[in-house]
Each structure stands twice: as C-alpha cells, then as structure tokens.
Protein backbone atom coordinates (compact mmCIF):
# COMPACT_ATOMS: atom_id res chain seq x y z
CA MET A 1 106.86 90.99 52.33
CA SER A 2 104.52 88.45 53.83
CA THR A 3 100.83 88.49 53.00
CA ARG A 4 98.82 88.97 56.15
CA THR A 5 95.66 86.99 56.73
CA SER A 6 94.70 88.61 60.06
CA ASN A 7 96.09 90.59 62.96
CA VAL A 8 97.60 88.97 66.05
CA GLN A 9 94.54 89.05 68.26
CA GLU A 10 92.23 87.74 65.51
CA ALA A 11 94.60 84.88 64.74
CA LEU A 12 95.06 83.99 68.39
CA ALA A 13 91.33 84.25 69.07
CA ALA A 14 90.61 81.75 66.29
CA TRP A 15 93.19 79.38 67.77
CA ILE A 16 91.81 79.76 71.32
CA VAL A 17 88.15 79.26 70.37
CA GLY A 18 89.00 76.36 68.06
CA PHE A 19 91.20 74.61 70.62
CA ASP A 20 90.39 70.89 70.75
CA ARG A 21 91.64 69.02 73.79
CA SER A 22 91.39 65.70 71.94
CA GLN A 23 94.27 66.84 69.76
CA VAL A 24 96.57 67.51 72.72
CA PRO A 25 99.17 64.80 73.46
CA ALA A 26 98.86 63.20 76.89
CA ARG A 27 102.36 64.30 77.86
CA VAL A 28 101.36 67.94 77.26
CA ARG A 29 98.38 67.74 79.61
CA GLU A 30 100.65 66.01 82.12
CA ALA A 31 103.03 68.97 81.81
CA VAL A 32 100.17 71.34 82.66
CA VAL A 33 99.44 69.41 85.84
CA THR A 34 103.13 69.36 86.78
CA ALA A 35 103.29 73.15 86.37
CA LEU A 36 100.12 73.54 88.43
CA VAL A 37 101.50 71.37 91.25
CA ASN A 38 104.71 73.42 91.30
CA SER A 39 102.83 76.74 91.29
CA VAL A 40 100.51 75.84 94.14
CA GLY A 41 103.27 74.18 96.17
CA THR A 42 105.82 76.97 95.92
CA GLY A 43 103.03 79.51 96.44
CA ILE A 44 102.10 77.94 99.76
CA GLY A 45 105.79 77.80 100.66
CA GLY A 46 106.26 81.52 100.06
CA LEU A 47 103.25 82.77 101.97
CA THR A 48 105.33 84.26 104.81
CA VAL A 49 107.47 86.41 102.50
CA ASP A 50 106.79 90.10 103.06
CA THR A 51 105.52 90.79 99.53
CA ALA A 52 102.97 87.97 99.86
CA GLN A 53 101.79 89.25 103.23
CA ASN A 54 101.50 92.80 101.88
CA ALA A 55 99.38 91.53 99.00
CA VAL A 56 97.06 89.59 101.28
CA GLN A 57 96.65 92.61 103.55
CA TYR A 58 95.90 94.83 100.56
CA ALA A 59 93.33 92.34 99.26
CA HIS A 60 91.60 92.17 102.65
CA SER A 61 91.43 95.96 102.84
CA ASN A 62 90.19 96.68 99.34
CA ALA A 63 88.16 93.76 98.04
CA ALA A 64 84.48 92.97 98.17
CA PRO A 65 83.45 89.47 99.27
CA GLY A 66 83.22 86.99 96.45
CA PRO A 67 83.50 83.36 95.34
CA ALA A 68 87.29 83.04 94.95
CA SER A 69 89.65 82.03 97.75
CA VAL A 70 93.10 83.24 98.75
CA ILE A 71 95.70 80.51 99.17
CA VAL A 72 95.96 79.27 102.80
CA ASP A 73 94.51 82.55 104.11
CA GLY A 74 91.05 81.40 103.00
CA ALA A 75 89.50 84.83 102.44
CA ARG A 76 86.80 84.67 99.77
CA LEU A 77 86.98 87.63 97.46
CA ALA A 78 85.98 88.84 94.02
CA PRO A 79 87.98 86.89 91.39
CA GLY A 80 90.20 89.78 90.31
CA MET A 81 91.34 90.56 93.85
CA ALA A 82 91.81 86.90 94.77
CA ALA A 83 93.93 86.56 91.64
CA PHE A 84 95.95 89.60 92.72
CA ALA A 85 96.77 88.11 96.12
CA ASN A 86 97.46 84.65 94.76
CA GLY A 87 99.57 86.01 91.92
CA VAL A 88 101.90 87.69 94.39
CA ILE A 89 101.91 84.64 96.65
CA LEU A 90 102.90 82.32 93.80
CA ASN A 91 105.84 84.57 92.95
CA ALA A 92 107.07 85.31 96.46
CA LEU A 93 109.21 82.25 97.22
CA GLY A 94 111.20 82.45 94.00
CA GLN A 95 110.84 78.83 92.83
CA GLU A 96 108.42 79.42 89.99
CA GLU A 97 108.70 77.50 86.73
CA THR A 98 110.58 79.23 83.91
CA HIS A 99 110.47 79.12 80.15
CA ALA A 100 114.08 80.04 79.53
CA ALA A 101 113.72 80.85 75.82
CA THR A 102 111.20 83.62 76.52
CA ALA A 103 112.25 84.46 80.11
CA THR A 104 108.65 84.05 81.26
CA HIS A 105 106.87 82.25 84.09
CA PRO A 106 103.76 81.21 82.15
CA ALA A 107 102.18 79.02 84.82
CA GLU A 108 102.47 81.40 87.76
CA THR A 109 100.92 84.21 85.69
CA THR A 110 98.06 82.04 84.37
CA VAL A 111 97.16 79.88 87.37
CA PRO A 112 95.82 82.63 89.72
CA ILE A 113 93.17 84.09 87.42
CA VAL A 114 92.12 80.75 85.93
CA LEU A 115 91.58 79.16 89.34
CA ALA A 116 89.82 82.25 90.70
CA MET A 117 87.41 82.39 87.79
CA ALA A 118 86.97 78.62 87.81
CA GLU A 119 85.82 78.83 91.44
CA GLU A 120 83.24 81.41 90.43
CA LEU A 121 82.05 79.42 87.42
CA GLY A 122 82.17 75.95 88.96
CA SER A 123 84.43 74.83 86.12
CA SER A 124 85.51 71.23 85.66
CA GLY A 125 89.09 70.07 85.94
CA GLN A 126 89.32 69.49 82.20
CA GLU A 127 88.13 73.02 81.49
CA VAL A 128 90.74 74.39 83.88
CA VAL A 129 93.54 72.37 82.29
CA ASP A 130 92.45 73.61 78.84
CA ALA A 131 92.49 77.23 80.03
CA LEU A 132 95.85 76.86 81.76
CA LEU A 133 97.43 75.28 78.69
CA ILE A 134 96.05 77.98 76.40
CA GLY A 135 97.20 80.79 78.69
CA MET A 136 100.68 79.36 79.07
CA GLN A 137 101.07 78.67 75.36
CA VAL A 138 99.94 82.19 74.42
CA THR A 139 102.40 83.69 76.90
CA MET A 140 105.28 81.69 75.44
CA GLY A 141 104.08 82.09 71.86
CA LEU A 142 104.15 85.87 72.11
CA GLY A 143 107.57 85.76 73.73
CA ALA A 144 108.95 83.49 71.02
CA MET A 145 107.84 85.69 68.11
CA GLU A 146 110.72 85.75 65.63
CA LEU A 147 111.43 89.48 65.87
CA MET A 148 111.67 89.58 69.66
CA PRO A 149 115.00 90.57 71.27
CA THR A 150 116.91 87.85 73.13
CA ILE A 151 117.34 89.79 76.38
CA ARG A 152 114.51 91.98 77.65
CA TYR A 153 115.36 92.96 81.20
CA GLU A 154 116.47 96.43 80.14
CA ILE A 155 113.17 96.91 78.33
CA CYS A 156 110.42 95.49 80.52
CA GLN A 157 109.47 92.85 83.09
CA ALA A 158 108.64 90.27 80.43
CA PRO A 159 106.83 87.64 82.55
CA SER A 160 104.23 90.20 83.64
CA VAL A 161 103.85 91.89 80.26
CA LEU A 162 103.54 88.69 78.24
CA GLY A 163 101.74 86.91 81.05
CA THR A 164 98.90 89.42 81.12
CA VAL A 165 97.89 88.49 77.59
CA GLY A 166 98.30 84.77 78.29
CA ALA A 167 96.21 85.03 81.44
CA ALA A 168 93.48 86.85 79.53
CA ALA A 169 93.58 84.16 76.85
CA GLY A 170 93.04 81.45 79.46
CA ALA A 171 90.24 83.43 81.09
CA ALA A 172 88.50 83.97 77.74
CA ARG A 173 88.60 80.25 77.03
CA LEU A 174 87.23 79.45 80.49
CA LEU A 175 84.33 81.85 79.94
CA GLY A 176 83.63 80.34 76.52
CA LEU A 177 83.82 83.68 74.70
CA ASP A 178 83.34 83.73 70.93
CA GLU A 179 86.04 84.82 68.48
CA PRO A 180 85.12 88.54 68.23
CA THR A 181 84.92 88.91 72.02
CA THR A 182 88.13 86.94 72.55
CA THR A 183 89.78 89.17 69.95
CA HIS A 184 88.90 92.27 71.95
CA THR A 185 89.90 90.58 75.21
CA LEU A 186 93.41 90.03 73.86
CA GLY A 187 93.67 93.57 72.53
CA LEU A 188 92.54 95.03 75.84
CA ALA A 189 95.00 92.80 77.72
CA ALA A 190 97.81 94.06 75.49
CA MET A 191 96.79 97.60 76.37
CA PHE A 192 96.66 96.83 80.10
CA SER A 193 99.99 94.97 80.24
CA ALA A 194 102.58 96.60 82.45
CA GLY A 195 105.97 95.94 83.93
CA LEU A 196 109.09 98.03 84.44
CA SER A 197 112.25 96.01 85.00
CA GLU A 198 114.21 98.45 87.15
CA SER A 199 113.16 96.80 90.41
CA ILE A 200 114.77 93.54 89.27
CA VAL A 201 118.06 95.31 88.67
CA LYS A 202 117.89 97.06 92.05
CA GLY A 203 116.49 94.07 93.92
CA THR A 204 113.71 96.04 95.58
CA GLY A 205 111.14 93.39 94.72
CA GLU A 206 108.09 95.38 93.70
CA TYR A 207 107.98 93.30 90.53
CA HIS A 208 106.31 90.66 92.72
CA TYR A 209 103.22 92.86 92.82
CA LEU A 210 103.18 92.95 89.03
CA LYS A 211 102.40 89.23 89.08
CA GLY A 212 99.29 90.08 91.06
CA PHE A 213 98.26 92.76 88.61
CA VAL A 214 98.51 90.23 85.78
CA GLY A 215 95.37 88.62 87.16
CA VAL A 216 93.64 91.94 87.81
CA HIS A 217 94.33 93.19 84.28
CA ALA A 218 93.39 89.89 82.65
CA HIS A 219 90.12 89.82 84.58
CA THR A 220 89.42 93.43 83.66
CA ALA A 221 90.09 92.74 79.98
CA VAL A 222 87.84 89.69 79.79
CA GLN A 223 85.00 91.33 81.72
CA LEU A 224 85.09 94.53 79.66
CA ALA A 225 85.19 92.60 76.40
CA ALA A 226 82.27 90.45 77.52
CA ALA A 227 80.37 93.68 78.24
CA GLY A 228 81.04 94.96 74.70
CA ALA A 229 84.32 96.90 74.99
CA GLU A 230 86.46 96.92 71.85
CA ALA A 231 90.22 97.14 71.29
CA ALA A 232 92.34 98.45 68.43
CA THR A 233 92.90 95.75 65.81
CA SER A 234 96.60 96.66 65.63
CA ALA A 235 97.17 96.43 69.40
CA PHE A 236 100.08 94.02 68.97
CA GLU A 237 101.85 94.76 65.68
CA GLY A 238 101.00 98.44 65.23
CA PRO A 239 103.64 101.23 65.44
CA GLY A 240 102.31 102.16 68.90
CA GLY A 241 101.45 98.61 69.85
CA PHE A 242 102.58 95.83 72.17
CA PHE A 243 105.70 94.58 70.37
CA ARG A 244 106.96 98.07 69.57
CA MET A 245 106.38 99.67 72.95
CA PHE A 246 107.35 96.86 75.32
CA PHE A 247 110.05 95.09 73.32
CA GLY A 248 111.45 97.74 71.02
CA VAL A 249 110.77 95.87 67.78
CA ASP A 250 111.31 98.14 64.79
CA PRO A 251 107.95 99.20 63.26
CA ASP A 252 109.21 98.70 59.71
CA ARG A 253 110.15 95.11 60.54
CA LEU A 254 106.75 94.56 62.12
CA LYS A 255 105.04 95.94 59.04
CA ALA A 256 107.01 93.66 56.73
CA PHE A 257 106.54 90.49 58.77
CA ASP A 258 103.48 88.28 59.25
CA VAL A 259 103.52 88.59 63.03
CA ALA A 260 100.11 86.96 63.45
CA ALA A 261 101.07 83.78 61.63
CA ASP A 262 104.32 83.49 63.54
CA VAL A 263 102.70 84.01 66.96
CA VAL A 264 100.06 81.35 66.29
CA LYS A 265 102.74 78.97 65.05
CA GLN A 266 104.70 79.53 68.25
CA ALA A 267 101.61 79.25 70.47
CA SER A 268 100.61 75.94 68.89
CA THR A 269 104.08 74.45 69.43
CA TRP A 270 104.04 72.70 72.81
CA SER A 271 106.65 74.88 74.51
CA ILE A 272 105.27 73.81 77.88
CA LEU A 273 107.42 70.69 77.53
CA ASP A 274 110.51 72.91 77.80
CA LEU A 275 109.67 74.46 81.16
CA VAL A 276 112.47 74.32 83.72
CA TYR A 277 111.95 74.17 87.47
CA LYS A 278 113.90 75.48 90.42
CA PRO A 279 115.17 73.26 93.22
CA TYR A 280 116.10 76.43 95.14
CA PRO A 281 114.61 79.90 95.72
CA ALA A 282 116.87 81.87 93.39
CA ASN A 283 116.87 83.27 89.89
CA TRP A 284 116.78 80.42 87.39
CA PHE A 285 120.24 81.12 85.95
CA ASN A 286 121.75 80.43 89.38
CA MET A 287 120.47 76.84 89.61
CA PRO A 288 123.52 75.22 87.92
CA PHE A 289 125.94 77.18 90.11
CA ILE A 290 124.19 76.21 93.33
CA ASP A 291 124.15 72.57 92.24
CA ALA A 292 127.84 72.78 91.34
CA ALA A 293 128.60 74.13 94.81
CA LYS A 294 126.54 71.31 96.31
CA HIS A 295 128.57 68.78 94.32
CA LEU A 296 131.86 70.25 95.55
CA ARG A 297 130.66 70.19 99.15
CA GLU A 298 129.11 66.71 99.11
CA HIS A 299 131.28 64.78 96.66
CA GLU A 300 134.65 66.51 96.66
CA GLY A 301 134.78 67.29 100.36
CA VAL A 302 135.14 71.06 99.99
CA ALA A 303 134.71 72.62 103.44
CA ALA A 304 133.74 76.26 103.80
CA ASP A 305 136.45 77.05 106.38
CA ASP A 306 139.11 75.72 103.98
CA ILE A 307 138.10 77.94 101.04
CA VAL A 308 140.62 80.57 100.03
CA SER A 309 138.90 82.03 96.98
CA ILE A 310 136.02 81.51 94.57
CA ASP A 311 135.97 82.51 90.91
CA LEU A 312 132.70 82.75 89.00
CA ALA A 313 132.06 83.33 85.32
CA VAL A 314 128.35 83.96 84.62
CA ASN A 315 126.60 84.37 81.31
CA GLU A 316 125.40 87.60 79.75
CA PHE A 317 121.80 87.16 80.87
CA ALA A 318 122.92 86.71 84.47
CA ARG A 319 125.20 89.74 84.25
CA ARG A 320 122.33 91.96 83.18
CA SER A 321 120.02 90.51 85.83
CA GLY A 322 122.09 90.90 89.00
CA GLY A 323 124.22 87.77 88.83
CA LEU A 324 127.43 89.67 89.54
CA ASP A 325 126.04 91.49 92.58
CA GLY A 326 127.74 91.05 95.94
CA PRO A 327 127.06 92.23 99.48
CA PRO A 328 125.31 94.05 100.96
CA PHE A 329 122.18 92.10 100.08
CA THR A 330 119.87 94.88 101.17
CA TYR A 331 116.79 93.19 99.83
CA ARG A 332 115.90 89.52 99.56
CA CYS A 333 115.66 89.89 95.79
CA ASN A 334 119.32 90.98 95.73
CA ALA A 335 120.19 87.59 97.19
CA LEU A 336 117.91 85.68 94.80
CA ALA A 337 119.65 87.27 91.83
CA SER A 338 123.23 87.06 93.10
CA THR A 339 125.13 84.04 91.81
CA GLN A 340 127.79 84.44 94.45
CA PHE A 341 125.19 84.47 97.22
CA GLY A 342 123.73 81.17 96.02
CA VAL A 343 127.16 79.54 95.72
CA ALA A 344 128.44 80.89 99.04
CA THR A 345 125.27 79.88 100.87
CA MET A 346 125.39 76.31 99.57
CA LEU A 347 129.09 75.98 100.38
CA ALA A 348 128.64 77.45 103.86
CA THR A 349 125.39 75.82 104.96
CA GLY A 350 124.70 72.93 102.58
CA ARG A 351 121.28 74.29 101.62
CA VAL A 352 119.53 77.20 99.95
CA THR A 353 115.98 77.58 101.25
CA LEU A 354 113.58 80.36 102.16
CA ARG A 355 115.29 80.72 105.54
CA GLU A 356 118.73 81.41 104.05
CA THR A 357 117.35 84.02 101.67
CA VAL A 358 115.50 85.80 104.46
CA GLU A 359 118.35 85.56 106.97
CA ARG A 360 120.96 86.57 104.42
CA ASN A 361 123.72 87.97 106.62
CA ASP A 362 125.33 84.74 107.82
CA PRO A 363 128.97 85.72 108.60
CA GLU A 364 130.42 82.69 106.80
CA VAL A 365 128.32 83.36 103.73
CA LEU A 366 129.45 86.98 103.68
CA ARG A 367 133.09 85.89 104.15
CA LEU A 368 132.86 83.61 101.14
CA CYS A 369 131.20 86.36 99.10
CA GLY A 370 134.10 88.61 100.03
CA ALA A 371 136.49 85.95 98.72
CA THR A 372 134.60 85.70 95.41
CA THR A 373 135.55 87.24 92.10
CA ALA A 374 132.67 87.26 89.63
CA VAL A 375 132.98 88.16 85.96
CA ALA A 376 130.77 87.93 82.89
CA SER A 377 131.66 85.33 80.29
CA ALA A 378 130.87 85.70 76.61
CA GLY A 379 127.69 84.19 75.24
CA MET A 380 124.65 82.65 76.87
CA GLY A 381 126.05 79.40 78.29
CA ASN A 382 125.99 78.53 81.97
CA GLY A 383 129.52 79.53 83.00
CA ARG A 384 132.25 78.25 85.34
CA LEU A 385 132.91 77.82 89.07
CA VAL A 386 136.43 77.55 90.50
CA VAL A 387 136.99 77.06 94.24
CA ARG A 388 140.50 77.21 95.70
CA THR A 389 141.10 75.61 99.06
CA GLY A 390 144.16 75.11 101.19
CA SER A 391 144.57 71.67 99.62
CA GLY A 392 143.83 72.28 95.94
CA VAL A 393 141.70 73.69 93.16
CA HIS A 394 138.20 72.47 92.36
CA GLU A 395 136.73 73.51 89.03
CA VAL A 396 133.33 72.91 87.47
CA ASP A 397 132.60 73.88 83.87
CA LEU A 398 128.83 74.16 83.94
CA ASP A 399 128.58 73.65 80.19
CA ASP A 400 130.00 70.12 80.51
CA GLU A 401 127.11 67.70 81.00
CA PRO A 402 124.70 70.36 82.33
CA ARG A 403 121.80 69.23 84.47
CA ASP A 404 118.42 69.11 82.75
CA TYR A 405 116.11 71.26 84.85
CA ARG A 406 112.99 70.12 83.04
CA LEU A 407 112.22 68.24 86.21
CA GLY A 408 109.82 65.32 86.13
CA ARG A 409 106.64 64.85 88.12
CA ARG A 410 108.34 62.79 90.81
CA GLU A 411 110.83 65.54 91.65
CA ILE A 412 108.11 68.19 91.67
CA THR A 413 105.80 66.15 93.88
CA GLU A 414 108.59 65.43 96.36
CA GLN A 415 109.30 69.15 96.54
CA PHE A 416 105.56 69.87 96.92
CA GLU A 417 105.15 67.41 99.80
CA ARG A 418 108.14 68.88 101.62
CA ILE A 419 107.20 72.54 101.17
CA VAL A 420 103.45 72.23 101.67
CA GLY A 421 103.84 69.70 104.47
CA GLU A 422 105.69 72.32 106.52
CA VAL A 423 102.71 74.69 106.21
CA LEU A 424 99.59 72.50 106.11
CA GLY A 425 100.95 69.29 107.58
CA PRO A 426 101.85 66.05 105.74
CA GLU A 427 98.34 64.60 105.53
CA ARG A 428 96.76 67.72 104.10
CA ALA A 429 99.68 68.17 101.71
CA THR A 430 99.15 64.64 100.39
CA HIS A 431 95.40 65.24 100.06
CA LEU A 432 95.89 68.48 98.12
CA LEU A 433 98.51 66.87 95.91
CA GLY A 434 96.11 64.05 95.04
CA LEU A 435 93.42 66.54 94.01
CA LEU A 436 95.84 68.49 91.83
CA GLU A 437 97.23 65.39 90.15
CA GLY A 438 93.69 64.13 89.49
CA ILE A 439 92.33 67.46 88.30
CA ASP A 440 91.21 66.08 84.92
CA ASP A 441 88.70 63.88 86.75
CA LEU A 442 87.10 66.65 88.84
CA ASP A 443 83.62 67.90 87.92
CA ASP A 444 84.25 71.06 89.94
CA ILE A 445 87.68 72.31 90.98
CA GLY A 446 86.27 73.81 94.18
CA SER A 447 87.62 70.84 96.11
CA ILE A 448 91.15 71.98 95.26
CA THR A 449 90.67 75.52 96.50
CA GLN A 450 88.93 74.24 99.63
CA ALA A 451 91.88 71.96 100.35
CA TRP A 452 94.49 74.71 100.10
CA VAL A 453 92.93 76.79 102.86
CA GLY A 454 94.89 76.74 106.09
CA ALA A 455 93.64 75.42 109.42
C-alpha cells in the first residue's frame, strides 16, 4: 500500500499555485497557442449549427449584462453565461482538438471560462496561457490516472466531467487563489461535474450543451470557493467520490493506491504535446478513414459511380461510439460518429465539411452507405478500408504508416484562415489570427475578444 502525502485536490492545488512559467519548455507554450487557435477558429466555423444557436439564444434570454463577450455574436454577459455560450459554440462544428489517451477535449473545455474571466480581470496574455496550460494539463492528468478504465463512453461523457475540474483549475490560477481556496475550488468542481454519455450513443447531440455547463460549473466552483465555501477532502478518491462515481474505479483499489501522487505526476507531464487535431468535422476516430477515402479518390482514381461495395473494420472504441452506425442519420451527431458516413461522403463528394454534415441525405452518399459492410475489429488500432469497384479492389490498412494527427501550427493556421475567413472575411481572420499567435505579448487579452466579434 502506498503512503499518502495528501489528497488529490490538495496535491493539485499545490502544483497549480506553485506553477512557474519559466520552467515550461517553449514548445509546450507553443502547443497551448496552437490549441487556442484551433478552438477559436473551429468555434467561429460552427456558429450556425443549431446547438450553438440554441446556446446563444439561451444566454441572451437568461444572462445579466457583464464584461465577457460571446464569440461573433458580441453580446457582453456575465462570465459564467458567456462561457456557457462559447463552450457550446466551440464544440458545435465537431473539429475540436482531442487527447486520444484520455478521450478528452481539454482546450475546448478550458478556453471558454479562461477567456471570459480574463476579459473581466483584464488579464495579460501570459496569464491566460498559464491558465489554459494548467487547465488542460489537469484535465488530461485526471483522465490518465493509472486506475482509470480505457473506454468510458458507457460510463460518462468524459470530456465534460474531466474538463469541469480542469476548467476550474485554470480559473483558480487566473484569479490567483491560494492553496486552501484552490483546494476547495477543485473539490467543488468535482462535485459539480456532470455528463451522461447516452446522447453520444443515440446521436441526439445534447452533450454539446454539457460543454457549456463546464464553464458555468467551473465559474460557480471558483466563485464559491473564493467566498469561503468548502469541499470534502476526499472528493476525488473517496468511496462516493469522483473516480468511483464517474469512472467506476473500485473503492478498494482507490484506497490502496496513491491517487494524488499519480494525478500530479500525470498533470505535470506535458500531455498537451500529444493532442491530435481534426481536418474534418467528425469524431476523431474517423479521421484516418476519411483520409484513406480521399487517397483512393484522388490518387487511385476511385470514382463513386464505379463502387460496388465498401468494407470497413473499425476499432473497439469506434464500435462503442457509433462508428458502425448507418442510415438514417436522423441527427447531425449520428453522421459525425458514423465511419461509413465519413467514408461515403468523401468518396461521393471529395470533401467532408459542415455543409455535408448538415445536408446529410445526399442520394449518392446514402447509396454508398447502403453498399457498406461495417464490422468491429479486435483491439484499439485504426482498422481497414476495402473498396471494390468494377475494375478492381482497393484496400487500405490504416495501421500501415498511419498519419500523425498531431498537426503543426502551419496546418492549424491554414484551417483557421479558411474557416474564419468565410465568417469574418479574410482580413479580419488574419488580424484575429495574429492576435492569437502573439498572445504572450499582450498586456490585456481584450483585443482578442474584440476582434472575434462579428460585423
């Protein structure tokens, strides 16, 4: 049995308060900025999605005026409500960054509340980058705890549950809270975390709203703690605590393991360098399949009208997350999860963008889905795509020389300029991008949130 030195929230609070930016490698801070650029860019690109519009309407109807702005819409609201709207907006398009090992989206759950509170506080760019890094690392550190199950979709909506604590950690750092108050902030955030996974399985999409509530709950936790509210010291590792209730970790194993030490070790490992990014609006496990279909279309001359059949083998994670689903794609989220939809759409149209996922009943796409057989393969690899045409068989083993989706800054900025340029125009997109990329040099990040407001 390990000898405990503290509980999870005490250990994390000490790490958060003692964080020293001078000890952070330059490439790690660069990774924070890359994640921020992707979050803001794909958020602006997804503003027209129904869940984003619903969130904005809700925020307008229920929020008091305040210092924090809603992306593009420009409404200035109290920080918690602005974070709610922006949290949903950032998730709506479906091209958020992903930490595959923990199945979280640590940037999109941290960015909304940190930027909203930074507007209120007049925080500098360096302070914002510190808070974003801390929030993201705490999210991933909790998710990487040694006793955690590999697959969590049947248990909870992990990005929202883990992200609530990470977002609160970033907010506590931004406010400059001391260790005892940060400790209670984290415990309260663990209590307020929420996220059923059933909507992901069904494709109904209400999990998008959970991303908004991440910011609300993080803001509530940090404000209550600052006002003197306290949280149970065993909020994470206790028999009725975070790891037991949300992730089904056996209480005897929790009792026998130094959870606090392991979480801090994981949080202080720069997992941000392992983030993967999405070239397409789809679940992250579908990226290799869509790219494989693109290769067949562009480099092997596979034409949609010549396709006889398609065989897919997806991994176990994809199987449990909707990868095997076929028509009808009643909801947009059904299409985002479906591997065969992504493959068929790329083969039929040569692209997978917001438009294709909204207008998801293209007859040729549906014909190709009808010609598709999808099965689950053993293990957690990528899988296989086989396309039979009138002239031959085209096969791609996605585990052979897989693409590295830890995309670099250049690829993310090109995607940003394309997506944001369609909404704000090329000149304003370039201006906003410059502010984001130079965030470390800003005395007040208000110029960023002013630049993202629409005309």
